Amino acid sequence: MFQFKGFHFNYVGRRGWFVAFSALTVLASLIIITTKGLNFGTDFKGGTNLQFRFSQTVSESTVRKTLDPLNLGGFSVQKIGKSEENRLIVKMEKHQEESRNLSTQVTEALKKNLGADTVTLEQDETVGPKAGADLRKKAELAIIVSWVLILIYIGFRFDFAFAPGAIVALIHDVILALGGFALTGREISLTVVAAILTIIGYSINDTIIIYDRIRENLQKEIKLSFKDIVNVSINEMFPRTIITSFTVFLVVALMYFFGEGEFQNFGFAMIIGVITGVYSTLSVACPLYIWIKENESLFQKLSTQKSS
């Protein structure tokens, strides 16, 4: 494995600074989310979805520029299917009940600018506010269920002392990602929820790798203190984490800088997730594990008092 020769950082000794910085960023994110709010897309608020097929390659930005003069309110354009199929879906906040000629307006504008024979309206559907709210609840439930399943998995795979740190780290990553979307006003859609679930999977992978090394080193008869073993374990695995994370970062950065619409939002969420996923393992997961192990006797005492 590639190693940073001579590199050794006292993560455990500086964990107080890491925890403080994480607490401040989470607090700032919560304040931004509360004050600015999250910009939910038509998937969650309801609206109109129009799916078009084009006989030639058309970019999302071209469609967006064509529709801007129509004053449609909030809308997004997203490519779907294979690239050679030339399919795009236009998601609008307006409902058909608010504007009965909505699909006609959009279709005629596209035909006028791109050619009458170029555009075909394949699907016209309205997502009601109730259906959108239901999707939002299901998305929230999916995230919560993923946390619970990970908690159970880590508890049985390692030790329940490891589990709280991993879950708090995941909550930390999700809050920062949502804070980034609230700060920039980017639209949250089902694609972004998929990105958040991907962040959860990516982040827990980093945490489990370091947890596994900690467990291995604890089982060896190393003449080091508990904190030093944790610190050595982090330093042993950190080069691998950095190399893997940097590779993923390059890919999602390309998605963000060269993508459009939903594709760009996915990349934006993943950029935050890759950075926070590495940081939360050091600043949240490991420090919380150390704190739990150091106070294990206190927890056992409290448990005995309650049972008696």
Protein backbone atom coordinates (compact mmCIF):
# COMPACT_ATOMS: atom_id res chain seq x y z
CA MET A 1 0.00 0.00 0.00
CA PHE A 2 1.17 3.53 -0.77
CA GLN A 3 2.35 5.31 2.37
CA PHE A 4 3.14 8.93 3.18
CA LYS A 5 6.69 8.30 4.39
CA GLY A 6 7.43 9.85 7.73
CA PHE A 7 3.87 11.17 8.02
CA HIS A 8 2.27 10.78 11.43
CA PHE A 9 -0.39 13.11 12.74
CA ASN A 10 -1.78 13.14 16.26
CA TYR A 11 -5.48 13.01 15.33
CA VAL A 12 -6.56 11.77 18.74
CA GLY A 13 -4.62 14.48 20.59
CA ARG A 14 -6.30 17.17 18.48
CA ARG A 15 -9.77 15.61 18.46
CA GLY A 16 -11.15 18.50 20.51
CA TRP A 17 -10.42 20.92 17.65
CA PHE A 18 -11.99 18.54 15.12
CA VAL A 19 -15.13 18.11 17.22
CA ALA A 20 -15.43 21.88 17.79
CA PHE A 21 -15.13 22.62 14.06
CA SER A 22 -17.72 19.95 13.20
CA ALA A 23 -20.12 21.33 15.82
CA LEU A 24 -19.76 24.85 14.40
CA THR A 25 -20.32 23.73 10.78
CA VAL A 26 -23.36 21.64 11.74
CA LEU A 27 -24.81 24.55 13.75
CA ALA A 28 -24.20 26.94 10.83
CA SER A 29 -25.88 24.47 8.43
CA LEU A 30 -28.92 24.11 10.69
CA ILE A 31 -29.25 27.90 10.96
CA ILE A 32 -29.04 28.27 7.16
CA ILE A 33 -31.58 25.46 6.61
CA THR A 34 -33.96 27.03 9.16
CA THR A 35 -33.66 30.61 7.88
CA LYS A 36 -33.36 30.08 4.11
CA GLY A 37 -35.24 26.80 3.84
CA LEU A 38 -34.71 24.00 1.35
CA ASN A 39 -35.69 24.43 -2.29
CA PHE A 40 -37.71 21.29 -2.95
CA GLY A 41 -38.36 20.48 -6.60
CA THR A 42 -41.54 19.29 -8.28
CA ASP A 43 -40.84 15.73 -7.11
CA PHE A 44 -41.65 16.87 -3.57
CA LYS A 45 -43.83 19.98 -4.02
CA GLY A 46 -45.90 18.83 -6.95
CA GLY A 47 -46.06 20.35 -10.41
CA THR A 48 -46.04 19.38 -14.07
CA ASN A 49 -43.60 17.03 -15.79
CA LEU A 50 -43.33 17.13 -19.59
CA GLN A 51 -41.21 14.52 -21.34
CA PHE A 52 -39.94 15.34 -24.84
CA ARG A 53 -38.09 13.40 -27.50
CA PHE A 54 -35.93 15.22 -30.06
CA SER A 55 -34.87 14.02 -33.49
CA GLN A 56 -31.48 15.70 -33.01
CA THR A 57 -29.13 16.29 -30.09
CA VAL A 58 -30.38 19.15 -27.90
CA SER A 59 -28.64 20.35 -24.74
CA GLU A 60 -30.38 21.13 -21.48
CA SER A 61 -29.11 24.72 -21.60
CA THR A 62 -30.69 25.24 -25.06
CA VAL A 63 -34.09 24.08 -23.80
CA ARG A 64 -33.72 26.24 -20.70
CA LYS A 65 -32.96 29.36 -22.74
CA THR A 66 -35.94 28.62 -25.00
CA LEU A 67 -38.35 28.36 -22.07
CA ASP A 68 -37.06 31.28 -19.96
CA PRO A 69 -39.17 33.94 -21.81
CA LEU A 70 -42.39 31.99 -21.03
CA ASN A 71 -42.30 33.00 -17.35
CA LEU A 72 -43.02 29.45 -16.20
CA GLY A 73 -41.82 30.14 -12.66
CA GLY A 74 -39.50 27.54 -11.18
CA PHE A 75 -38.57 24.78 -13.62
CA SER A 76 -35.72 22.38 -14.32
CA VAL A 77 -34.56 20.48 -17.39
CA GLN A 78 -33.06 17.01 -17.15
CA LYS A 79 -31.76 14.49 -19.67
CA ILE A 80 -33.14 10.98 -19.25
CA GLY A 81 -32.48 7.62 -20.86
CA LYS A 82 -29.56 6.91 -23.16
CA SER A 83 -27.75 9.85 -24.76
CA GLU A 84 -28.63 8.74 -28.30
CA GLU A 85 -32.35 8.74 -27.46
CA ASN A 86 -32.31 12.57 -27.05
CA ARG A 87 -34.97 12.62 -24.35
CA LEU A 88 -35.47 15.49 -21.93
CA ILE A 89 -37.92 16.05 -19.11
CA VAL A 90 -39.08 19.54 -18.12
CA LYS A 91 -40.22 19.79 -14.48
CA MET A 92 -42.31 22.85 -13.59
CA GLU A 93 -43.77 24.07 -10.32
CA LYS A 94 -46.99 25.11 -12.05
CA HIS A 95 -49.85 22.62 -12.20
CA GLN A 96 -52.03 22.00 -15.22
CA GLU A 97 -54.97 23.29 -13.15
CA GLU A 98 -53.22 26.67 -12.88
CA SER A 99 -52.53 26.86 -16.60
CA ARG A 100 -54.47 24.49 -18.84
CA ASN A 101 -52.41 25.41 -21.87
CA LEU A 102 -49.10 24.85 -20.10
CA SER A 103 -47.98 21.82 -22.11
CA THR A 104 -49.13 23.48 -25.35
CA GLN A 105 -47.15 26.65 -24.56
CA VAL A 106 -43.97 24.72 -23.83
CA THR A 107 -44.30 22.41 -26.85
CA GLU A 108 -45.00 25.27 -29.27
CA ALA A 109 -42.04 27.28 -27.93
CA LEU A 110 -39.71 24.33 -28.44
CA LYS A 111 -41.04 23.64 -31.93
CA LYS A 112 -40.72 27.29 -32.90
CA ASN A 113 -37.07 27.47 -31.84
CA LEU A 114 -35.90 23.96 -32.68
CA GLY A 115 -38.15 23.02 -35.61
CA ALA A 116 -41.67 21.57 -35.74
CA ASP A 117 -40.46 18.12 -36.82
CA THR A 118 -37.75 18.02 -34.18
CA VAL A 119 -39.90 17.93 -31.02
CA THR A 120 -42.34 15.25 -29.83
CA LEU A 121 -44.22 15.47 -26.53
CA GLU A 122 -44.17 11.90 -25.19
CA GLN A 123 -45.57 12.33 -21.69
CA ASP A 124 -47.58 14.94 -19.85
CA GLU A 125 -48.19 14.32 -16.15
CA THR A 126 -49.12 16.37 -13.13
CA VAL A 127 -47.72 15.62 -9.67
CA GLY A 128 -50.17 16.84 -7.05
CA PRO A 129 -49.02 18.48 -3.79
CA LYS A 130 -50.25 15.46 -1.82
CA ALA A 131 -48.25 13.03 -3.97
CA GLY A 132 -45.20 15.26 -3.66
CA ALA A 133 -45.51 15.39 0.14
CA ASP A 134 -45.85 11.61 0.19
CA LEU A 135 -42.64 11.24 -1.84
CA ARG A 136 -40.87 13.56 0.58
CA LYS A 137 -41.90 11.44 3.56
CA LYS A 138 -40.70 8.30 1.78
CA ALA A 139 -37.35 9.95 1.01
CA GLU A 140 -36.93 10.95 4.67
CA LEU A 141 -37.91 7.43 5.73
CA ALA A 142 -35.35 5.90 3.35
CA ILE A 143 -32.56 7.97 4.95
CA ILE A 144 -33.66 7.14 8.51
CA VAL A 145 -34.01 3.41 7.73
CA SER A 146 -30.49 3.40 6.25
CA TRP A 147 -29.16 4.88 9.52
CA VAL A 148 -30.96 2.25 11.63
CA LEU A 149 -29.74 -0.65 9.47
CA ILE A 150 -26.16 0.66 9.60
CA LEU A 151 -26.43 1.00 13.40
CA ILE A 152 -27.52 -2.65 13.67
CA TYR A 153 -24.86 -3.85 11.23
CA ILE A 154 -21.97 -2.10 13.00
CA GLY A 155 -23.26 -3.26 16.38
CA PHE A 156 -23.13 -6.91 15.36
CA ARG A 157 -20.11 -6.64 13.01
CA PHE A 158 -17.89 -4.86 15.52
CA ASP A 159 -19.09 -3.69 18.91
CA PHE A 160 -21.99 -1.45 19.88
CA ALA A 161 -19.43 1.05 21.21
CA PHE A 162 -18.50 1.73 17.57
CA ALA A 163 -22.07 2.25 16.32
CA PRO A 164 -23.08 5.65 17.83
CA GLY A 165 -20.01 7.39 16.38
CA ALA A 166 -20.73 6.03 12.90
CA ILE A 167 -24.38 7.14 12.98
CA VAL A 168 -23.62 10.62 14.35
CA ALA A 169 -20.97 10.99 11.62
CA LEU A 170 -23.57 10.10 8.95
CA ILE A 171 -26.07 12.60 10.39
CA HIS A 172 -23.25 15.18 10.38
CA ASP A 173 -22.59 14.51 6.65
CA VAL A 174 -26.27 14.71 5.65
CA ILE A 175 -26.81 17.98 7.56
CA LEU A 176 -23.78 19.59 5.89
CA ALA A 177 -24.95 18.43 2.45
CA LEU A 178 -28.42 19.89 3.05
CA GLY A 179 -26.82 23.06 4.41
CA GLY A 180 -24.89 23.39 1.15
CA PHE A 181 -28.12 23.10 -0.85
CA ALA A 182 -29.91 25.61 1.40
CA LEU A 183 -27.01 28.08 1.10
CA THR A 184 -26.86 27.89 -2.70
CA GLY A 185 -30.62 27.57 -3.24
CA ARG A 186 -30.14 24.46 -5.37
CA GLU A 187 -33.19 22.32 -6.03
CA ILE A 188 -33.65 19.13 -4.04
CA SER A 189 -35.13 16.33 -6.11
CA LEU A 190 -35.19 12.53 -6.05
CA THR A 191 -31.78 12.64 -7.76
CA VAL A 192 -30.39 14.58 -4.80
CA VAL A 193 -31.92 12.07 -2.37
CA ALA A 194 -30.11 9.34 -4.33
CA ALA A 195 -26.89 11.37 -3.91
CA ILE A 196 -27.48 11.67 -0.14
CA LEU A 197 -28.00 7.89 0.14
CA THR A 198 -24.77 7.45 -1.86
CA ILE A 199 -23.00 9.82 0.57
CA ILE A 200 -24.23 7.69 3.48
CA GLY A 201 -22.85 4.54 1.86
CA TYR A 202 -19.55 6.20 0.94
CA SER A 203 -19.06 7.77 4.37
CA ILE A 204 -19.77 4.58 6.32
CA ASN A 205 -17.29 2.74 4.12
CA ASP A 206 -14.48 5.05 5.28
CA THR A 207 -15.56 4.71 8.90
CA ILE A 208 -15.75 0.90 8.78
CA ILE A 209 -12.26 0.60 7.26
CA ILE A 210 -10.72 2.59 10.12
CA TYR A 211 -12.90 0.84 12.72
CA ASP A 212 -11.72 -2.52 11.37
CA ARG A 213 -8.06 -1.50 11.72
CA ILE A 214 -8.70 -0.26 15.28
CA ARG A 215 -10.25 -3.60 16.18
CA GLU A 216 -7.35 -5.52 14.63
CA ASN A 217 -4.76 -3.47 16.51
CA LEU A 218 -6.66 -3.79 19.79
CA GLN A 219 -6.56 -7.59 19.44
CA LYS A 220 -2.78 -7.53 18.97
CA GLU A 221 -0.59 -7.31 22.04
CA ILE A 222 0.69 -3.84 21.20
CA LYS A 223 2.34 -2.07 24.13
CA LEU A 224 0.49 1.17 23.55
CA SER A 225 -2.31 2.98 25.33
CA PHE A 226 -5.86 2.76 23.97
CA LYS A 227 -5.71 6.28 22.51
CA ASP A 228 -2.35 5.60 20.87
CA ILE A 229 -3.72 2.44 19.24
CA VAL A 230 -6.62 4.43 17.79
CA ASN A 231 -4.20 7.09 16.55
CA VAL A 232 -1.88 4.52 14.95
CA SER A 233 -4.85 2.84 13.26
CA ILE A 234 -6.03 6.12 11.74
CA ASN A 235 -2.53 6.93 10.48
CA GLU A 236 -2.16 3.47 8.94
CA MET A 237 -5.38 3.77 6.95
CA PHE A 238 -5.31 7.49 6.16
CA PRO A 239 -3.18 7.21 2.97
CA ARG A 240 -5.64 4.68 1.51
CA THR A 241 -8.57 6.91 2.44
CA ILE A 242 -6.99 9.99 0.86
CA ILE A 243 -6.11 8.21 -2.40
CA THR A 244 -9.60 6.66 -2.74
CA SER A 245 -11.39 9.89 -1.81
CA PHE A 246 -9.29 11.99 -4.18
CA THR A 247 -10.11 9.63 -7.07
CA VAL A 248 -13.83 9.84 -6.32
CA PHE A 249 -13.55 13.61 -5.86
CA LEU A 250 -12.11 14.03 -9.38
CA VAL A 251 -15.04 12.11 -10.89
CA VAL A 252 -17.79 14.01 -9.03
CA ALA A 253 -16.01 17.33 -9.68
CA LEU A 254 -16.23 16.59 -13.42
CA MET A 255 -19.94 15.83 -12.98
CA TYR A 256 -20.41 19.17 -11.27
CA PHE A 257 -18.36 21.41 -13.59
CA PHE A 258 -19.39 19.82 -16.89
CA GLY A 259 -22.87 18.55 -16.03
CA GLU A 260 -26.18 20.38 -16.15
CA GLY A 261 -29.39 20.38 -14.13
CA GLU A 262 -29.94 17.25 -12.04
CA PHE A 263 -26.59 15.82 -13.09
CA GLN A 264 -24.81 18.89 -11.70
CA ASN A 265 -26.81 18.78 -8.46
CA PHE A 266 -25.81 15.15 -7.96
CA GLY A 267 -22.15 16.13 -8.43
CA PHE A 268 -22.53 19.07 -6.02
CA ALA A 269 -23.97 16.82 -3.29
CA MET A 270 -21.25 14.23 -3.82
CA ILE A 271 -18.44 16.80 -3.62
CA ILE A 272 -19.69 17.81 -0.17
CA GLY A 273 -20.17 14.13 0.75
CA VAL A 274 -16.67 13.05 -0.26
CA ILE A 275 -15.07 15.83 1.81
CA THR A 276 -17.30 15.45 4.88
CA GLY A 277 -17.17 11.64 4.67
CA VAL A 278 -13.41 11.65 5.28
CA TYR A 279 -13.53 14.44 7.84
CA SER A 280 -16.44 13.05 9.90
CA THR A 281 -14.61 9.76 10.48
CA LEU A 282 -11.77 11.69 12.13
CA SER A 283 -13.79 14.45 13.78
CA VAL A 284 -16.93 12.59 14.88
CA ALA A 285 -16.83 8.79 14.63
CA CYS A 286 -13.43 8.12 16.24
CA PRO A 287 -13.68 10.77 19.02
CA LEU A 288 -17.15 9.52 20.01
CA TYR A 289 -15.88 5.92 20.07
CA ILE A 290 -13.00 6.97 22.35
CA TRP A 291 -15.39 8.83 24.66
CA ILE A 292 -17.73 5.81 24.92
CA LYS A 293 -14.86 3.40 25.68
CA GLU A 294 -13.40 5.76 28.28
CA ASN A 295 -16.78 5.99 30.03
CA GLU A 296 -17.76 2.33 29.61
CA SER A 297 -17.61 1.65 33.36
CA LEU A 298 -19.92 4.63 33.99
CA PHE A 299 -22.47 3.32 31.46
CA GLN A 300 -22.34 -0.15 33.03
CA LYS A 301 -22.85 1.36 36.48
CA LEU A 302 -25.86 3.38 35.31
CA SER A 303 -27.28 0.28 33.61
CA THR A 304 -26.91 -1.74 36.83
CA GLN A 305 -28.62 0.97 38.89
CA LYS A 306 -31.59 1.08 36.49
CA SER A 307 -32.03 -2.69 36.47
CA SER A 308 -31.94 -2.82 40.25
